[in-house]
Amino acid sequence: MVALLMLGLLVGGGGVGAAWALSDDSGSAPVTESGPAGDARAACQALDGFDEAKYGAKGADGDIALNRYAAAGVLSASAAAGDAKFKPLAQAIRRSQDRHAQVFDFDEMVKKDLDEARRICKGL
């Protein structure tokens, strides 16, 4: 039951987060590519704007962090569903989210998986 609730929150937050992350006016170029490659780039853009130090904070900063983290997971899963070459990105983000859901913290294992996802993003 808890797992279903977490999945629902991630998927729901992912849609909002995707829109929020993609409409960010921080000067980064918007994702214009469609399909799996566009989803992967959007996931990376959301992850690039994600600050784990603000995750759980009250107010807009916490909401942004939560939604960008969720958006990165949802968009990377969509990319992997459309093209298997994006599966490592989706797996790294999913591992970080699963671990975070277990320990409720950004411990070394979560950070390791986030670093791996960010490394993969740099190669896209």
N, C-alpha and C. Protein backbone atom coordinates (compact mmCIF):
# COMPACT_ATOMS: atom_id res chain seq x y z
N MET A 1 0.82 -1.18 0.00
CA MET A 1 0.00 0.00 0.00
C MET A 1 0.88 1.26 0.00
N VAL A 2 1.91 1.27 0.84
CA VAL A 2 2.81 2.42 0.90
C VAL A 2 3.54 2.59 -0.44
N ALA A 3 3.93 1.46 -1.04
CA ALA A 3 4.62 1.53 -2.32
C ALA A 3 3.71 2.12 -3.39
N LEU A 4 2.43 1.75 -3.38
CA LEU A 4 1.49 2.31 -4.34
C LEU A 4 1.29 3.80 -4.11
N LEU A 5 1.24 4.20 -2.87
CA LEU A 5 1.11 5.61 -2.55
C LEU A 5 2.33 6.39 -3.05
N MET A 6 3.51 5.85 -2.80
CA MET A 6 4.74 6.51 -3.27
C MET A 6 4.76 6.60 -4.79
N LEU A 7 4.36 5.51 -5.46
CA LEU A 7 4.32 5.51 -6.92
C LEU A 7 3.34 6.56 -7.41
N GLY A 8 2.18 6.64 -6.79
CA GLY A 8 1.19 7.64 -7.17
C GLY A 8 1.70 9.06 -6.99
N LEU A 9 2.39 9.29 -5.88
CA LEU A 9 2.96 10.61 -5.65
C LEU A 9 4.03 10.95 -6.67
N LEU A 10 4.87 9.97 -6.99
CA LEU A 10 5.93 10.20 -7.97
C LEU A 10 5.36 10.48 -9.35
N VAL A 11 4.39 9.69 -9.77
CA VAL A 11 3.81 9.88 -11.10
C VAL A 11 3.04 11.19 -11.16
N GLY A 12 2.24 11.47 -10.14
CA GLY A 12 1.50 12.72 -10.12
C GLY A 12 2.41 13.93 -10.06
N GLY A 13 3.38 13.83 -9.18
CA GLY A 13 4.35 14.93 -9.06
C GLY A 13 5.20 15.06 -10.30
N GLY A 14 5.41 13.93 -10.97
CA GLY A 14 6.23 13.94 -12.18
C GLY A 14 5.64 14.79 -13.28
N GLY A 15 4.33 14.69 -13.47
CA GLY A 15 3.67 15.51 -14.49
C GLY A 15 3.79 16.98 -14.18
N VAL A 16 3.51 17.34 -12.94
CA VAL A 16 3.64 18.74 -12.52
C VAL A 16 5.10 19.17 -12.59
N GLY A 17 5.97 18.29 -12.11
CA GLY A 17 7.39 18.61 -12.11
C GLY A 17 7.96 18.77 -13.50
N ALA A 18 7.49 17.92 -14.41
CA ALA A 18 7.97 18.02 -15.79
C ALA A 18 7.61 19.37 -16.37
N ALA A 19 6.37 19.78 -16.18
CA ALA A 19 5.96 21.09 -16.69
C ALA A 19 6.75 22.21 -16.02
N TRP A 20 6.95 22.08 -14.71
CA TRP A 20 7.68 23.10 -13.96
C TRP A 20 9.14 23.15 -14.40
N ALA A 21 9.75 21.99 -14.51
CA ALA A 21 11.16 21.94 -14.89
C ALA A 21 11.38 22.46 -16.29
N LEU A 22 10.47 22.13 -17.18
CA LEU A 22 10.64 22.54 -18.56
C LEU A 22 10.29 24.00 -18.79
N SER A 23 9.55 24.60 -17.87
CA SER A 23 9.21 26.00 -18.02
C SER A 23 10.14 26.90 -17.22
N ASP A 24 11.18 26.33 -16.62
CA ASP A 24 12.14 27.09 -15.82
C ASP A 24 12.78 28.17 -16.67
N ASP A 25 12.93 29.35 -16.11
CA ASP A 25 13.53 30.46 -16.85
C ASP A 25 14.95 30.75 -16.40
N SER A 26 15.68 29.71 -16.02
CA SER A 26 17.02 29.90 -15.49
C SER A 26 18.07 30.10 -16.58
N GLY A 27 17.62 30.19 -17.83
CA GLY A 27 18.56 30.43 -18.91
C GLY A 27 18.95 29.17 -19.65
N SER A 28 18.56 28.00 -19.18
CA SER A 28 18.89 26.79 -19.90
C SER A 28 17.96 26.67 -21.10
N ALA A 29 18.49 26.10 -22.15
CA ALA A 29 17.71 25.95 -23.37
C ALA A 29 16.57 24.96 -23.15
N PRO A 30 15.38 25.28 -23.65
CA PRO A 30 14.27 24.35 -23.49
C PRO A 30 14.47 23.11 -24.36
N VAL A 31 13.88 22.02 -23.92
CA VAL A 31 13.94 20.79 -24.69
C VAL A 31 12.95 20.91 -25.83
N THR A 32 13.41 20.75 -27.06
CA THR A 32 12.53 20.86 -28.21
C THR A 32 12.40 19.53 -28.95
N GLU A 33 13.22 18.57 -28.62
CA GLU A 33 13.20 17.28 -29.27
C GLU A 33 12.07 16.43 -28.68
N SER A 34 11.39 15.69 -29.54
CA SER A 34 10.31 14.84 -29.05
C SER A 34 10.76 13.38 -29.03
N GLY A 35 9.91 12.54 -28.51
CA GLY A 35 10.21 11.12 -28.46
C GLY A 35 11.12 10.78 -27.30
N PRO A 36 11.66 9.56 -27.30
CA PRO A 36 12.50 9.10 -26.20
C PRO A 36 13.72 10.00 -25.93
N ALA A 37 14.37 10.46 -26.98
CA ALA A 37 15.54 11.33 -26.79
C ALA A 37 15.14 12.64 -26.12
N GLY A 38 13.99 13.18 -26.51
CA GLY A 38 13.50 14.40 -25.88
C GLY A 38 13.14 14.18 -24.42
N ASP A 39 12.54 13.02 -24.13
CA ASP A 39 12.22 12.69 -22.74
C ASP A 39 13.49 12.56 -21.91
N ALA A 40 14.51 11.92 -22.48
CA ALA A 40 15.77 11.76 -21.75
C ALA A 40 16.41 13.10 -21.47
N ARG A 41 16.42 13.98 -22.47
CA ARG A 41 17.00 15.31 -22.27
C ARG A 41 16.18 16.12 -21.24
N ALA A 42 14.86 15.96 -21.28
CA ALA A 42 14.02 16.65 -20.30
C ALA A 42 14.28 16.12 -18.90
N ALA A 43 14.48 14.81 -18.79
CA ALA A 43 14.81 14.21 -17.49
C ALA A 43 16.11 14.79 -16.97
N CYS A 44 17.08 14.91 -17.86
CA CYS A 44 18.38 15.47 -17.47
C CYS A 44 18.26 16.94 -17.10
N GLN A 45 17.41 17.66 -17.80
CA GLN A 45 17.21 19.07 -17.48
C GLN A 45 16.56 19.21 -16.10
N ALA A 46 15.59 18.35 -15.81
CA ALA A 46 14.95 18.36 -14.49
C ALA A 46 15.97 18.01 -13.41
N LEU A 47 16.80 17.00 -13.69
CA LEU A 47 17.82 16.58 -12.72
C LEU A 47 18.86 17.67 -12.52
N ASP A 48 19.19 18.38 -13.60
CA ASP A 48 20.16 19.47 -13.51
C ASP A 48 19.66 20.58 -12.58
N GLY A 49 18.35 20.80 -12.57
CA GLY A 49 17.78 21.83 -11.72
C GLY A 49 17.42 21.34 -10.33
N PHE A 50 17.68 20.07 -10.06
CA PHE A 50 17.32 19.48 -8.77
C PHE A 50 18.44 19.70 -7.75
N ASP A 51 18.06 20.25 -6.60
CA ASP A 51 19.00 20.48 -5.51
C ASP A 51 18.54 19.66 -4.32
N GLU A 52 19.22 18.54 -4.08
CA GLU A 52 18.81 17.65 -3.00
C GLU A 52 18.86 18.33 -1.62
N ALA A 53 19.63 19.38 -1.48
CA ALA A 53 19.70 20.09 -0.20
C ALA A 53 18.38 20.81 0.10
N LYS A 54 17.59 21.08 -0.94
CA LYS A 54 16.32 21.78 -0.75
C LYS A 54 15.14 20.82 -0.68
N TYR A 55 15.40 19.53 -0.93
CA TYR A 55 14.34 18.53 -0.88
C TYR A 55 13.79 18.47 0.56
N GLY A 56 12.51 18.58 0.71
CA GLY A 56 11.90 18.53 2.04
C GLY A 56 11.77 19.89 2.70
N ALA A 57 12.35 20.92 2.07
CA ALA A 57 12.22 22.26 2.63
C ALA A 57 10.77 22.73 2.50
N LYS A 58 10.36 23.60 3.37
CA LYS A 58 9.02 24.15 3.29
C LYS A 58 8.98 25.25 2.24
N GLY A 59 7.85 25.37 1.58
CA GLY A 59 7.67 26.43 0.61
C GLY A 59 8.08 26.04 -0.79
N ALA A 60 8.25 27.05 -1.62
CA ALA A 60 8.51 26.85 -3.04
C ALA A 60 9.79 26.06 -3.31
N ASP A 61 10.86 26.31 -2.55
CA ASP A 61 12.11 25.60 -2.79
C ASP A 61 11.94 24.10 -2.63
N GLY A 62 11.24 23.69 -1.60
CA GLY A 62 10.98 22.27 -1.38
C GLY A 62 10.08 21.68 -2.44
N ASP A 63 9.05 22.44 -2.84
CA ASP A 63 8.14 21.97 -3.88
C ASP A 63 8.87 21.79 -5.21
N ILE A 64 9.74 22.72 -5.53
CA ILE A 64 10.50 22.63 -6.78
C ILE A 64 11.40 21.40 -6.75
N ALA A 65 12.11 21.21 -5.66
CA ALA A 65 13.01 20.06 -5.55
C ALA A 65 12.24 18.75 -5.67
N LEU A 66 11.14 18.62 -4.96
CA LEU A 66 10.32 17.42 -5.00
C LEU A 66 9.84 17.13 -6.42
N ASN A 67 9.32 18.14 -7.08
CA ASN A 67 8.77 17.95 -8.42
C ASN A 67 9.84 17.69 -9.47
N ARG A 68 10.98 18.32 -9.35
CA ARG A 68 12.04 18.06 -10.32
C ARG A 68 12.59 16.64 -10.17
N TYR A 69 12.72 16.17 -8.95
CA TYR A 69 13.20 14.81 -8.70
C TYR A 69 12.20 13.80 -9.27
N ALA A 70 10.92 14.04 -9.02
CA ALA A 70 9.88 13.16 -9.56
C ALA A 70 9.85 13.23 -11.07
N ALA A 71 9.96 14.42 -11.63
CA ALA A 71 9.94 14.59 -13.09
C ALA A 71 11.10 13.85 -13.74
N ALA A 72 12.27 13.93 -13.14
CA ALA A 72 13.43 13.22 -13.70
C ALA A 72 13.15 11.72 -13.77
N GLY A 73 12.52 11.18 -12.74
CA GLY A 73 12.20 9.75 -12.72
C GLY A 73 11.18 9.38 -13.77
N VAL A 74 10.11 10.14 -13.87
CA VAL A 74 9.03 9.84 -14.81
C VAL A 74 9.52 10.00 -16.25
N LEU A 75 10.22 11.08 -16.53
CA LEU A 75 10.68 11.32 -17.90
C LEU A 75 11.75 10.31 -18.33
N SER A 76 12.64 9.94 -17.41
CA SER A 76 13.66 8.94 -17.78
C SER A 76 13.01 7.58 -18.00
N ALA A 77 11.97 7.25 -17.24
CA ALA A 77 11.25 5.99 -17.46
C ALA A 77 10.56 6.00 -18.82
N SER A 78 9.99 7.13 -19.18
CA SER A 78 9.36 7.26 -20.49
C SER A 78 10.39 7.10 -21.61
N ALA A 79 11.54 7.71 -21.43
CA ALA A 79 12.60 7.59 -22.43
C ALA A 79 13.05 6.14 -22.58
N ALA A 80 13.22 5.45 -21.47
CA ALA A 80 13.66 4.05 -21.51
C ALA A 80 12.60 3.15 -22.12
N ALA A 81 11.33 3.47 -21.89
CA ALA A 81 10.26 2.68 -22.49
C ALA A 81 10.26 2.80 -24.01
N GLY A 82 10.67 3.98 -24.49
CA GLY A 82 10.70 4.22 -25.93
C GLY A 82 11.98 3.78 -26.61
N ASP A 83 13.07 3.72 -25.86
CA ASP A 83 14.37 3.34 -26.44
C ASP A 83 15.25 2.78 -25.33
N ALA A 84 15.64 1.53 -25.49
CA ALA A 84 16.41 0.83 -24.45
C ALA A 84 17.75 1.49 -24.14
N LYS A 85 18.27 2.31 -25.03
CA LYS A 85 19.56 2.95 -24.75
C LYS A 85 19.47 3.93 -23.58
N PHE A 86 18.24 4.34 -23.21
CA PHE A 86 18.06 5.25 -22.08
C PHE A 86 17.77 4.51 -20.77
N LYS A 87 17.79 3.19 -20.83
CA LYS A 87 17.51 2.39 -19.63
C LYS A 87 18.50 2.64 -18.50
N PRO A 88 19.81 2.77 -18.76
CA PRO A 88 20.74 3.06 -17.65
C PRO A 88 20.41 4.36 -16.91
N LEU A 89 19.98 5.37 -17.65
CA LEU A 89 19.58 6.64 -17.01
C LEU A 89 18.38 6.41 -16.10
N ALA A 90 17.37 5.74 -16.64
CA ALA A 90 16.16 5.49 -15.86
C ALA A 90 16.46 4.63 -14.63
N GLN A 91 17.32 3.64 -14.80
CA GLN A 91 17.66 2.76 -13.68
C GLN A 91 18.41 3.51 -12.59
N ALA A 92 19.33 4.38 -12.96
CA ALA A 92 20.09 5.14 -11.96
C ALA A 92 19.17 6.06 -11.17
N ILE A 93 18.27 6.74 -11.86
CA ILE A 93 17.35 7.64 -11.16
C ILE A 93 16.40 6.83 -10.29
N ARG A 94 15.88 5.73 -10.82
CA ARG A 94 14.95 4.89 -10.06
C ARG A 94 15.62 4.32 -8.80
N ARG A 95 16.87 3.86 -8.94
CA ARG A 95 17.60 3.36 -7.75
C ARG A 95 17.72 4.45 -6.69
N SER A 96 18.03 5.67 -7.13
CA SER A 96 18.17 6.76 -6.16
C SER A 96 16.83 7.04 -5.48
N GLN A 97 15.74 7.02 -6.25
CA GLN A 97 14.43 7.28 -5.67
C GLN A 97 13.98 6.15 -4.75
N ASP A 98 14.24 4.91 -5.16
CA ASP A 98 13.87 3.78 -4.31
C ASP A 98 14.63 3.82 -2.98
N ARG A 99 15.92 4.08 -3.07
CA ARG A 99 16.74 4.14 -1.85
C ARG A 99 16.28 5.30 -0.96
N HIS A 100 16.02 6.45 -1.58
CA HIS A 100 15.55 7.61 -0.82
C HIS A 100 14.24 7.29 -0.11
N ALA A 101 13.35 6.56 -0.78
CA ALA A 101 12.07 6.19 -0.17
C ALA A 101 12.27 5.23 1.01
N GLN A 102 13.37 4.49 1.01
CA GLN A 102 13.66 3.57 2.12
C GLN A 102 14.27 4.27 3.31
N VAL A 103 15.19 5.20 3.06
CA VAL A 103 15.94 5.82 4.17
C VAL A 103 15.51 7.27 4.46
N PHE A 104 14.69 7.85 3.60
CA PHE A 104 14.20 9.22 3.77
C PHE A 104 15.35 10.22 3.92
N ASP A 105 16.43 9.96 3.18
CA ASP A 105 17.60 10.82 3.25
C ASP A 105 18.39 10.66 1.96
N PHE A 106 19.24 11.62 1.68
CA PHE A 106 20.15 11.51 0.55
C PHE A 106 21.48 11.01 1.07
N ASP A 107 21.50 9.72 1.38
CA ASP A 107 22.73 9.11 1.90
C ASP A 107 23.71 8.86 0.76
N GLU A 108 24.83 8.25 1.08
CA GLU A 108 25.88 8.05 0.08
C GLU A 108 25.42 7.21 -1.11
N MET A 109 24.58 6.21 -0.86
CA MET A 109 24.10 5.37 -1.96
C MET A 109 23.17 6.15 -2.89
N VAL A 110 22.31 6.97 -2.31
CA VAL A 110 21.42 7.80 -3.13
C VAL A 110 22.26 8.77 -3.96
N LYS A 111 23.22 9.42 -3.31
CA LYS A 111 24.07 10.38 -4.01
C LYS A 111 24.89 9.70 -5.11
N LYS A 112 25.34 8.47 -4.85
CA LYS A 112 26.10 7.73 -5.86
C LYS A 112 25.25 7.50 -7.11
N ASP A 113 24.00 7.11 -6.91
CA ASP A 113 23.11 6.89 -8.05
C ASP A 113 22.77 8.20 -8.76
N LEU A 114 22.60 9.28 -8.01
CA LEU A 114 22.36 10.57 -8.63
C LEU A 114 23.57 11.02 -9.44
N ASP A 115 24.75 10.80 -8.90
CA ASP A 115 25.97 11.14 -9.63
C ASP A 115 26.08 10.35 -10.92
N GLU A 116 25.69 9.06 -10.86
CA GLU A 116 25.71 8.21 -12.05
C GLU A 116 24.72 8.74 -13.09
N ALA A 117 23.53 9.10 -12.65
CA ALA A 117 22.53 9.66 -13.58
C ALA A 117 23.05 10.95 -14.21
N ARG A 118 23.67 11.79 -13.41
CA ARG A 118 24.20 13.06 -13.94
C ARG A 118 25.35 12.81 -14.91
N ARG A 119 26.16 11.78 -14.65
CA ARG A 119 27.24 11.41 -15.57
C ARG A 119 26.65 10.95 -16.90
N ILE A 120 25.59 10.13 -16.83
CA ILE A 120 24.94 9.67 -18.05
C ILE A 120 24.38 10.85 -18.82
N CYS A 121 23.78 11.79 -18.11
CA CYS A 121 23.22 12.98 -18.75
C CYS A 121 24.26 13.77 -19.52
N LYS A 122 25.45 13.87 -18.95
CA LYS A 122 26.51 14.62 -19.64
C LYS A 122 26.88 13.98 -20.96
N GLY A 123 26.67 12.67 -21.08
CA GLY A 123 26.98 11.96 -22.32
C GLY A 123 25.90 12.03 -23.37
N LEU A 124 24.77 12.61 -23.03
CA LEU A 124 23.65 12.68 -24.01
C LEU A 124 23.82 13.87 -24.96
